[in-house]
C-alpha atoms as a PDB file:
ATOM      1  CA  ALA A   1      -0.035   0.138  -0.159  1.00  0.00           C
ATOM      2  CA  GLU A   2       0.908   3.764  -0.503  1.00  0.00           C
ATOM      3  CA  ASN A   3       3.623   5.070   2.198  1.00  0.00           C
ATOM      4  CA  SER A   4       3.317   1.758   4.059  1.00  0.00           C
ATOM      5  CA  VAL A   5       5.219  -1.459   4.932  1.00  0.00           C
ATOM      6  CA  LEU A   6       5.945  -4.004   2.230  1.00  0.00           C
ATOM      7  CA  PHE A   7       4.201  -7.549   2.613  1.00  0.00           C
ATOM      8  CA  SER A   8       8.038  -9.087   2.819  1.00  0.00           C
ATOM      9  CA  GLU A   9       8.890  -6.573   5.418  1.00  0.00           C
ATOM     10  CA  ALA A  10       5.709  -7.295   7.361  1.00  0.00           C
ATOM     11  CA  PHE A  11       6.130 -11.088   7.118  1.00  0.00           C
ATOM     12  CA  ALA A  12       9.996 -11.010   8.236  1.00  0.00           C
ATOM     13  CA  PHE A  13       9.070  -8.545  11.008  1.00  0.00           C
ATOM     14  CA  MET A  14       6.228 -10.720  12.254  1.00  0.00           C
ATOM     15  CA  ALA A  15       8.301 -13.904  11.999  1.00  0.00           C
ATOM     16  CA  PHE A  16      10.836 -12.212  14.408  1.00  0.00           C
ATOM     17  CA  CYS A  17       8.189 -11.376  16.730  1.00  0.00           C
ATOM     18  CA  ARG A  18       6.772 -14.836  16.949  1.00  0.00           C
ATOM     19  CA  LEU A  19      10.405 -16.399  17.357  1.00  0.00           C
ATOM     20  CA  HIS A  20      10.780 -13.902  20.191  1.00  0.00           C
ATOM     21  CA  ASP A  21       7.297 -14.083  21.820  1.00  0.00           C
ATOM     22  CA  VAL A  22       6.396 -10.451  21.348  1.00  0.00           C
ATOM     23  CA  ASN A  23       3.227  -9.737  22.507  1.00  0.00           C
ATOM     24  CA  LEU A  24       3.190  -5.919  22.141  1.00  0.00           C
ATOM     25  CA  ILE A  25       4.167  -3.854  19.037  1.00  0.00           C
ATOM     26  CA  LEU A  26       4.458   0.058  19.387  1.00  0.00           C
ATOM     27  CA  GLU A  27       4.284   1.759  16.340  1.00  0.00           C
ATOM     28  CA  SER A  28       5.209   5.685  15.667  1.00  0.00           C
ATOM     29  CA  GLY A  29       4.013   6.878  12.364  1.00  0.00           C
ATOM     30  CA  VAL A  30       0.621   5.085  11.295  1.00  0.00           C
ATOM     31  CA  TYR A  31      -0.394   7.120   8.396  1.00  0.00           C
ATOM     32  CA  ARG A  32      -3.738   5.549   7.295  1.00  0.00           C
ATOM     33  CA  GLY A  33      -3.184   2.430   9.536  1.00  0.00           C
ATOM     34  CA  PHE A  34      -2.010  -0.141   6.819  1.00  0.00           C
ATOM     35  CA  SER A  35       0.947  -1.634   8.735  1.00  0.00           C
ATOM     36  CA  THR A  36      -1.171  -1.165  12.195  1.00  0.00           C
ATOM     37  CA  GLU A  37      -3.508  -3.563  10.691  1.00  0.00           C
ATOM     38  CA  VAL A  38      -1.058  -5.889   9.686  1.00  0.00           C
ATOM     39  CA  TRP A  39       0.453  -5.745  13.324  1.00  0.00           C
ATOM     40  CA  SER A  40      -2.996  -6.553  14.855  1.00  0.00           C
ATOM     41  CA  LEU A  41      -3.254  -9.873  12.679  1.00  0.00           C
ATOM     42  CA  PHE A  42      -0.422 -11.341  14.459  1.00  0.00           C
ATOM     43  CA  ALA A  43       0.079  -9.498  17.905  1.00  0.00           C
ATOM     44  CA  LYS A  44      -1.539  -9.490  21.003  1.00  0.00           C
ATOM     45  CA  ASP A  45      -1.760  -5.641  21.395  1.00  0.00           C
ATOM     46  CA  VAL A  46      -0.707  -2.803  19.261  1.00  0.00           C
ATOM     47  CA  VAL A  47      -0.436   0.696  20.202  1.00  0.00           C
ATOM     48  CA  ALA A  48      -0.006   2.928  17.239  1.00  0.00           C
ATOM     49  CA  ILE A  49       0.819   6.704  17.403  1.00  0.00           C
ATOM     50  CA  ASP A  50       0.768   9.401  15.005  1.00  0.00           C
ATOM     51  CA  LEU A  51       0.898  13.144  14.985  1.00  0.00           C
ATOM     52  CA  PHE A  52      -1.972  12.862  12.099  1.00  0.00           C
ATOM     53  CA  PRO A  53      -1.426  16.668  10.770  1.00  0.00           C
ATOM     54  CA  ALA A  54      -4.607  16.183   8.599  1.00  0.00           C
ATOM     55  CA  ALA A  55      -7.727  15.376  10.027  1.00  0.00           C
ATOM     56  CA  GLU A  56      -8.685  13.240   6.951  1.00  0.00           C
ATOM     57  CA  ILE A  57      -5.654  10.957   7.600  1.00  0.00           C
ATOM     58  CA  PHE A  58      -6.797  10.503  11.182  1.00  0.00           C
ATOM     59  CA  GLU A  59     -10.253   9.498  10.464  1.00  0.00           C
ATOM     60  CA  ALA A  60      -9.160   7.104   7.525  1.00  0.00           C
ATOM     61  CA  ALA A  61      -6.700   5.175  10.135  1.00  0.00           C
ATOM     62  CA  LYS A  62      -9.473   5.131  12.743  1.00  0.00           C
ATOM     63  CA  GLN A  63     -11.939   3.595  10.210  1.00  0.00           C
ATOM     64  CA  ARG A  64      -9.478   1.167   8.763  1.00  0.00           C
ATOM     65  CA  LEU A  65      -8.671   0.005  12.342  1.00  0.00           C
ATOM     66  CA  ASN A  66     -12.052   0.461  14.162  1.00  0.00           C
ATOM     67  CA  HIS A  67     -12.620  -3.519  13.987  1.00  0.00           C
ATOM     68  CA  ARG A  68      -9.514  -4.337  15.502  1.00  0.00           C
ATOM     69  CA  THR A  69     -10.087  -4.526  19.315  1.00  0.00           C
ATOM     70  CA  ASN A  70      -6.392  -5.038  20.001  1.00  0.00           C
ATOM     71  CA  VAL A  71      -5.508  -1.631  18.525  1.00  0.00           C
ATOM     72  CA  ARG A  72      -5.065   1.589  20.564  1.00  0.00           C
ATOM     73  CA  LEU A  73      -4.749   4.401  18.203  1.00  0.00           C
ATOM     74  CA  ILE A  74      -3.213   7.685  19.737  1.00  0.00           C
ATOM     75  CA  GLN A  75      -2.952  10.868  18.178  1.00  0.00           C
ATOM     76  CA  GLY A  76       0.242  12.768  19.550  1.00  0.00           C
ATOM     77  CA  ASN A  77       3.978  12.818  19.345  1.00  0.00           C
ATOM     78  CA  GLY A  78       5.451   9.569  19.446  1.00  0.00           C
ATOM     79  CA  LYS A  79       8.807  10.956  21.065  1.00  0.00           C
ATOM     80  CA  VAL A  80       6.497  11.844  24.122  1.00  0.00           C
ATOM     81  CA  LEU A  81       4.069   9.104  24.013  1.00  0.00           C
ATOM     82  CA  LEU A  82       6.074   5.881  23.537  1.00  0.00           C
ATOM     83  CA  PRO A  83       8.146   6.325  26.680  1.00  0.00           C
ATOM     84  CA  GLN A  84       4.896   6.914  28.474  1.00  0.00           C
ATOM     85  CA  VAL A  85       3.210   4.042  27.219  1.00  0.00           C
ATOM     86  CA  LEU A  86       6.202   1.880  28.155  1.00  0.00           C
ATOM     87  CA  ASP A  87       6.185   2.844  31.490  1.00  0.00           C
ATOM     88  CA  ALA A  88       2.539   2.285  31.814  1.00  0.00           C
END
């Protein structure tokens, strides 16, 4: 998909996560949510953070991910919010 992870990259990443029993994926830079949706198919929990400078991009991501119950979509600065998520 446009501006997103390639299927081969996603496959390699998820294989690594399975090998090492990764349950939580933190993503900074969501755009329209394609890669976030891919991660949500394999990971127990996904926290995805993006600035979403355009409201329509945020809405597109929310629409794409609204059926994924294991995704937490956050609008904000990943540099600030990711450490807070890790500490929680």
